[in-house]
Amino acid sequence: MKEIKQSEFTEQTKEGVCLIDFFATWCAPCRMMSQILEDVDRELDGKVKILKVDVDENEDLARTYGILSIPTLIIFKDGVAKEKHVGVWLAHDCVDALKKYL
């Protein structure tokens, strides 16, 4: 998983399937989600790019995507937001959702 800045966002999400984790370092559920996303990444074996965006450092980007609670995860396919999930997402549910876009 790679943490990205607003300046990298369009380039990183423009091709393929990406899962963006909007988080904050002080958020306990966000830290729990990071562990879950490591499992998701292993299970999908690199077929999906999993990226993280710190909402405190990228406020404009968080505002653009209507991030009001964290963690919020958004699935992108070829640069288009397809699905949004707010809160901790169980690994198997996350994998099932991502597989729809592969």
N, C-alpha and C. Protein backbone atom coordinates (compact mmCIF):
# COMPACT_ATOMS: atom_id res chain seq x y z
N MET A 1 0.85 -1.18 0.00
CA MET A 1 0.00 0.00 0.00
C MET A 1 0.89 1.23 0.00
N LYS A 2 0.46 2.19 -0.77
CA LYS A 2 1.25 3.40 -0.92
C LYS A 2 0.39 4.60 -0.52
N GLU A 3 0.98 5.52 0.24
CA GLU A 3 0.29 6.76 0.56
C GLU A 3 0.59 7.77 -0.54
N ILE A 4 -0.47 8.41 -1.03
CA ILE A 4 -0.29 9.38 -2.11
C ILE A 4 -0.81 10.75 -1.70
N LYS A 5 -0.35 11.74 -2.43
CA LYS A 5 -0.79 13.14 -2.25
C LYS A 5 -1.77 13.51 -3.35
N GLN A 6 -2.43 14.63 -3.18
CA GLN A 6 -3.39 15.11 -4.17
C GLN A 6 -2.75 15.24 -5.55
N SER A 7 -1.51 15.67 -5.61
CA SER A 7 -0.83 15.87 -6.89
C SER A 7 -0.63 14.57 -7.67
N GLU A 8 -0.66 13.45 -6.99
CA GLU A 8 -0.47 12.14 -7.63
C GLU A 8 -1.78 11.43 -7.93
N PHE A 9 -2.87 11.91 -7.39
CA PHE A 9 -4.13 11.17 -7.37
C PHE A 9 -4.61 10.79 -8.77
N THR A 10 -4.71 11.72 -9.67
CA THR A 10 -5.24 11.44 -11.01
C THR A 10 -4.38 10.42 -11.74
N GLU A 11 -3.08 10.60 -11.67
CA GLU A 11 -2.16 9.67 -12.34
C GLU A 11 -2.29 8.25 -11.76
N GLN A 12 -2.40 8.16 -10.45
CA GLN A 12 -2.45 6.85 -9.79
C GLN A 12 -3.77 6.11 -10.02
N THR A 13 -4.85 6.83 -10.25
CA THR A 13 -6.17 6.19 -10.36
C THR A 13 -6.67 6.07 -11.79
N LYS A 14 -5.92 6.56 -12.76
CA LYS A 14 -6.47 6.66 -14.12
C LYS A 14 -6.62 5.32 -14.85
N GLU A 15 -5.87 4.29 -14.47
CA GLU A 15 -5.95 3.01 -15.17
C GLU A 15 -6.16 1.87 -14.19
N GLY A 16 -7.00 0.94 -14.57
CA GLY A 16 -7.22 -0.26 -13.76
C GLY A 16 -8.12 0.00 -12.57
N VAL A 17 -8.08 -0.95 -11.65
CA VAL A 17 -8.91 -0.89 -10.45
C VAL A 17 -8.03 -0.43 -9.28
N CYS A 18 -8.50 0.60 -8.58
CA CYS A 18 -7.79 1.14 -7.41
C CYS A 18 -8.76 1.22 -6.24
N LEU A 19 -8.25 0.95 -5.09
CA LEU A 19 -9.01 1.16 -3.86
C LEU A 19 -8.29 2.25 -3.09
N ILE A 20 -8.99 3.34 -2.83
CA ILE A 20 -8.43 4.47 -2.09
C ILE A 20 -8.97 4.44 -0.67
N ASP A 21 -8.06 4.44 0.29
CA ASP A 21 -8.40 4.48 1.71
C ASP A 21 -8.15 5.90 2.21
N PHE A 22 -9.22 6.65 2.43
CA PHE A 22 -9.11 7.98 3.02
C PHE A 22 -9.05 7.78 4.53
N PHE A 23 -7.97 8.25 5.16
CA PHE A 23 -7.70 7.96 6.57
C PHE A 23 -7.05 9.16 7.25
N ALA A 24 -6.84 9.01 8.56
CA ALA A 24 -6.04 9.96 9.34
C ALA A 24 -5.19 9.16 10.31
N THR A 25 -4.02 9.67 10.61
CA THR A 25 -3.09 8.94 11.47
C THR A 25 -3.61 8.78 12.89
N TRP A 26 -4.44 9.70 13.34
CA TRP A 26 -4.96 9.67 14.71
C TRP A 26 -6.20 8.78 14.87
N CYS A 27 -6.70 8.21 13.79
CA CYS A 27 -7.97 7.48 13.76
C CYS A 27 -7.74 5.99 14.03
N ALA A 28 -8.24 5.48 15.18
CA ALA A 28 -8.06 4.07 15.54
C ALA A 28 -8.72 3.12 14.53
N PRO A 29 -9.97 3.37 14.08
CA PRO A 29 -10.55 2.49 13.07
C PRO A 29 -9.75 2.49 11.75
N CYS A 30 -9.11 3.61 11.45
CA CYS A 30 -8.27 3.68 10.24
C CYS A 30 -7.06 2.76 10.37
N ARG A 31 -6.48 2.71 11.55
CA ARG A 31 -5.34 1.81 11.77
C ARG A 31 -5.78 0.35 11.63
N MET A 32 -6.99 0.04 12.12
CA MET A 32 -7.53 -1.30 11.98
C MET A 32 -7.75 -1.63 10.50
N MET A 33 -8.24 -0.64 9.76
CA MET A 33 -8.50 -0.84 8.33
C MET A 33 -7.20 -1.10 7.57
N SER A 34 -6.13 -0.48 7.98
CA SER A 34 -4.83 -0.71 7.32
C SER A 34 -4.42 -2.17 7.41
N GLN A 35 -4.63 -2.77 8.56
CA GLN A 35 -4.32 -4.20 8.72
C GLN A 35 -5.19 -5.05 7.80
N ILE A 36 -6.47 -4.72 7.73
CA ILE A 36 -7.40 -5.46 6.86
C ILE A 36 -6.98 -5.32 5.40
N LEU A 37 -6.58 -4.12 5.00
CA LEU A 37 -6.19 -3.89 3.61
C LEU A 37 -4.92 -4.65 3.24
N GLU A 38 -4.06 -4.91 4.20
CA GLU A 38 -2.89 -5.74 3.92
C GLU A 38 -3.34 -7.15 3.54
N ASP A 39 -4.35 -7.68 4.24
CA ASP A 39 -4.91 -8.99 3.90
C ASP A 39 -5.56 -8.97 2.52
N VAL A 40 -6.30 -7.92 2.24
CA VAL A 40 -6.96 -7.78 0.93
C VAL A 40 -5.91 -7.75 -0.18
N ASP A 41 -4.86 -7.00 0.03
CA ASP A 41 -3.79 -6.89 -0.96
C ASP A 41 -3.16 -8.25 -1.22
N ARG A 42 -2.89 -9.01 -0.17
CA ARG A 42 -2.31 -10.35 -0.35
C ARG A 42 -3.27 -11.26 -1.12
N GLU A 43 -4.55 -11.20 -0.76
CA GLU A 43 -5.52 -12.09 -1.40
C GLU A 43 -5.69 -11.77 -2.89
N LEU A 44 -5.67 -10.50 -3.24
CA LEU A 44 -5.87 -10.11 -4.64
C LEU A 44 -4.56 -10.12 -5.44
N ASP A 45 -3.45 -10.35 -4.77
CA ASP A 45 -2.16 -10.59 -5.41
C ASP A 45 -1.80 -9.54 -6.48
N GLY A 46 -1.94 -8.27 -6.11
CA GLY A 46 -1.51 -7.20 -7.01
C GLY A 46 -2.46 -6.85 -8.14
N LYS A 47 -3.63 -7.45 -8.18
CA LYS A 47 -4.59 -7.15 -9.26
C LYS A 47 -5.28 -5.81 -9.06
N VAL A 48 -5.23 -5.30 -7.84
CA VAL A 48 -5.85 -4.02 -7.48
C VAL A 48 -4.79 -3.16 -6.81
N LYS A 49 -4.74 -1.91 -7.20
CA LYS A 49 -3.82 -0.96 -6.56
C LYS A 49 -4.52 -0.41 -5.32
N ILE A 50 -3.90 -0.59 -4.15
CA ILE A 50 -4.46 -0.08 -2.90
C ILE A 50 -3.62 1.11 -2.47
N LEU A 51 -4.29 2.26 -2.38
CA LEU A 51 -3.62 3.53 -2.08
C LEU A 51 -4.26 4.17 -0.86
N LYS A 52 -3.49 4.99 -0.15
CA LYS A 52 -3.98 5.68 1.03
C LYS A 52 -3.85 7.19 0.84
N VAL A 53 -4.85 7.93 1.32
CA VAL A 53 -4.83 9.39 1.27
C VAL A 53 -5.13 9.90 2.68
N ASP A 54 -4.18 10.65 3.23
CA ASP A 54 -4.34 11.25 4.56
C ASP A 54 -5.23 12.48 4.41
N VAL A 55 -6.41 12.45 5.03
CA VAL A 55 -7.36 13.55 4.86
C VAL A 55 -6.88 14.85 5.50
N ASP A 56 -6.02 14.75 6.52
CA ASP A 56 -5.50 15.97 7.15
C ASP A 56 -4.50 16.68 6.25
N GLU A 57 -3.80 15.94 5.43
CA GLU A 57 -2.80 16.53 4.53
C GLU A 57 -3.36 16.84 3.14
N ASN A 58 -4.53 16.31 2.83
CA ASN A 58 -5.13 16.45 1.50
C ASN A 58 -6.61 16.83 1.62
N GLU A 59 -6.85 17.94 2.32
CA GLU A 59 -8.22 18.36 2.62
C GLU A 59 -9.05 18.63 1.37
N ASP A 60 -8.46 19.23 0.35
CA ASP A 60 -9.22 19.53 -0.87
C ASP A 60 -9.68 18.24 -1.56
N LEU A 61 -8.82 17.26 -1.59
CA LEU A 61 -9.17 15.98 -2.21
C LEU A 61 -10.28 15.29 -1.41
N ALA A 62 -10.16 15.32 -0.10
CA ALA A 62 -11.21 14.74 0.75
C ALA A 62 -12.54 15.45 0.52
N ARG A 63 -12.49 16.75 0.40
CA ARG A 63 -13.71 17.53 0.14
C ARG A 63 -14.30 17.17 -1.22
N THR A 64 -13.45 17.03 -2.23
CA THR A 64 -13.90 16.68 -3.58
C THR A 64 -14.71 15.38 -3.58
N TYR A 65 -14.29 14.41 -2.77
CA TYR A 65 -14.97 13.12 -2.74
C TYR A 65 -15.95 12.98 -1.59
N GLY A 66 -16.27 14.08 -0.93
CA GLY A 66 -17.31 14.08 0.10
C GLY A 66 -16.98 13.23 1.30
N ILE A 67 -15.72 13.24 1.71
CA ILE A 67 -15.30 12.44 2.86
C ILE A 67 -15.69 13.19 4.13
N LEU A 68 -16.68 12.65 4.84
CA LEU A 68 -17.15 13.26 6.07
C LEU A 68 -16.78 12.43 7.29
N SER A 69 -16.55 11.13 7.09
CA SER A 69 -16.16 10.21 8.15
C SER A 69 -15.01 9.36 7.64
N ILE A 70 -14.18 8.92 8.57
CA ILE A 70 -13.08 8.05 8.17
C ILE A 70 -13.07 6.82 9.07
N PRO A 71 -12.60 5.70 8.56
CA PRO A 71 -12.11 5.52 7.20
C PRO A 71 -13.25 5.51 6.18
N THR A 72 -12.96 6.04 5.00
CA THR A 72 -13.84 5.92 3.85
C THR A 72 -13.01 5.33 2.73
N LEU A 73 -13.56 4.32 2.08
CA LEU A 73 -12.87 3.64 0.99
C LEU A 73 -13.67 3.81 -0.29
N ILE A 74 -12.99 4.15 -1.36
CA ILE A 74 -13.64 4.33 -2.66
C ILE A 74 -12.94 3.46 -3.68
N ILE A 75 -13.73 2.70 -4.43
CA ILE A 75 -13.19 1.89 -5.52
C ILE A 75 -13.26 2.73 -6.80
N PHE A 76 -12.13 2.80 -7.50
CA PHE A 76 -12.05 3.50 -8.78
C PHE A 76 -11.76 2.48 -9.87
N LYS A 77 -12.40 2.66 -11.01
CA LYS A 77 -12.10 1.84 -12.20
C LYS A 77 -11.79 2.82 -13.33
N ASP A 78 -10.58 2.77 -13.83
CA ASP A 78 -10.14 3.65 -14.92
C ASP A 78 -10.46 5.11 -14.64
N GLY A 79 -10.17 5.56 -13.41
CA GLY A 79 -10.30 6.95 -13.04
C GLY A 79 -11.68 7.40 -12.59
N VAL A 80 -12.65 6.49 -12.58
CA VAL A 80 -14.02 6.84 -12.21
C VAL A 80 -14.38 6.16 -10.89
N ALA A 81 -14.90 6.95 -9.94
CA ALA A 81 -15.34 6.39 -8.66
C ALA A 81 -16.57 5.52 -8.90
N LYS A 82 -16.49 4.27 -8.45
CA LYS A 82 -17.57 3.31 -8.70
C LYS A 82 -18.35 2.96 -7.45
N GLU A 83 -17.67 2.90 -6.32
CA GLU A 83 -18.32 2.42 -5.10
C GLU A 83 -17.64 3.05 -3.89
N LYS A 84 -18.44 3.39 -2.88
CA LYS A 84 -17.92 4.05 -1.68
C LYS A 84 -18.39 3.29 -0.44
N HIS A 85 -17.48 3.11 0.50
CA HIS A 85 -17.81 2.44 1.76
C HIS A 85 -17.26 3.28 2.91
N VAL A 86 -18.12 3.56 3.89
CA VAL A 86 -17.71 4.34 5.05
C VAL A 86 -17.62 3.40 6.25
N GLY A 87 -16.49 3.49 6.97
CA GLY A 87 -16.29 2.66 8.15
C GLY A 87 -15.39 1.48 7.84
N VAL A 88 -15.15 0.68 8.87
CA VAL A 88 -14.30 -0.50 8.70
C VAL A 88 -15.03 -1.50 7.81
N TRP A 89 -14.28 -2.04 6.85
CA TRP A 89 -14.82 -2.97 5.86
C TRP A 89 -14.15 -4.30 6.07
N LEU A 90 -14.92 -5.35 6.30
CA LEU A 90 -14.34 -6.68 6.48
C LEU A 90 -13.63 -7.11 5.21
N ALA A 91 -12.54 -7.83 5.37
CA ALA A 91 -11.69 -8.21 4.23
C ALA A 91 -12.46 -8.95 3.16
N HIS A 92 -13.26 -9.95 3.52
CA HIS A 92 -13.96 -10.73 2.49
C HIS A 92 -14.99 -9.89 1.74
N ASP A 93 -15.63 -8.95 2.41
CA ASP A 93 -16.60 -8.07 1.74
C ASP A 93 -15.88 -7.12 0.79
N CYS A 94 -14.74 -6.62 1.22
CA CYS A 94 -13.93 -5.72 0.40
C CYS A 94 -13.44 -6.45 -0.86
N VAL A 95 -12.94 -7.67 -0.68
CA VAL A 95 -12.45 -8.47 -1.82
C VAL A 95 -13.60 -8.74 -2.80
N ASP A 96 -14.76 -9.13 -2.28
CA ASP A 96 -15.91 -9.39 -3.15
C ASP A 96 -16.28 -8.16 -3.96
N ALA A 97 -16.29 -6.99 -3.32
CA ALA A 97 -16.63 -5.75 -4.02
C ALA A 97 -15.60 -5.44 -5.11
N LEU A 98 -14.33 -5.61 -4.81
CA LEU A 98 -13.27 -5.31 -5.77
C LEU A 98 -13.30 -6.26 -6.96
N LYS A 99 -13.60 -7.51 -6.73
CA LYS A 99 -13.63 -8.52 -7.81
C LYS A 99 -14.66 -8.18 -8.88
N LYS A 100 -15.71 -7.45 -8.51
CA LYS A 100 -16.73 -7.04 -9.50
C LYS A 100 -16.14 -6.16 -10.59
N TYR A 101 -15.03 -5.48 -10.31
CA TYR A 101 -14.47 -4.52 -11.24
C TYR A 101 -13.23 -5.04 -11.97
N LEU A 102 -12.82 -6.27 -11.69
CA LEU A 102 -11.64 -6.84 -12.35
C LEU A 102 -12.01 -7.44 -13.71
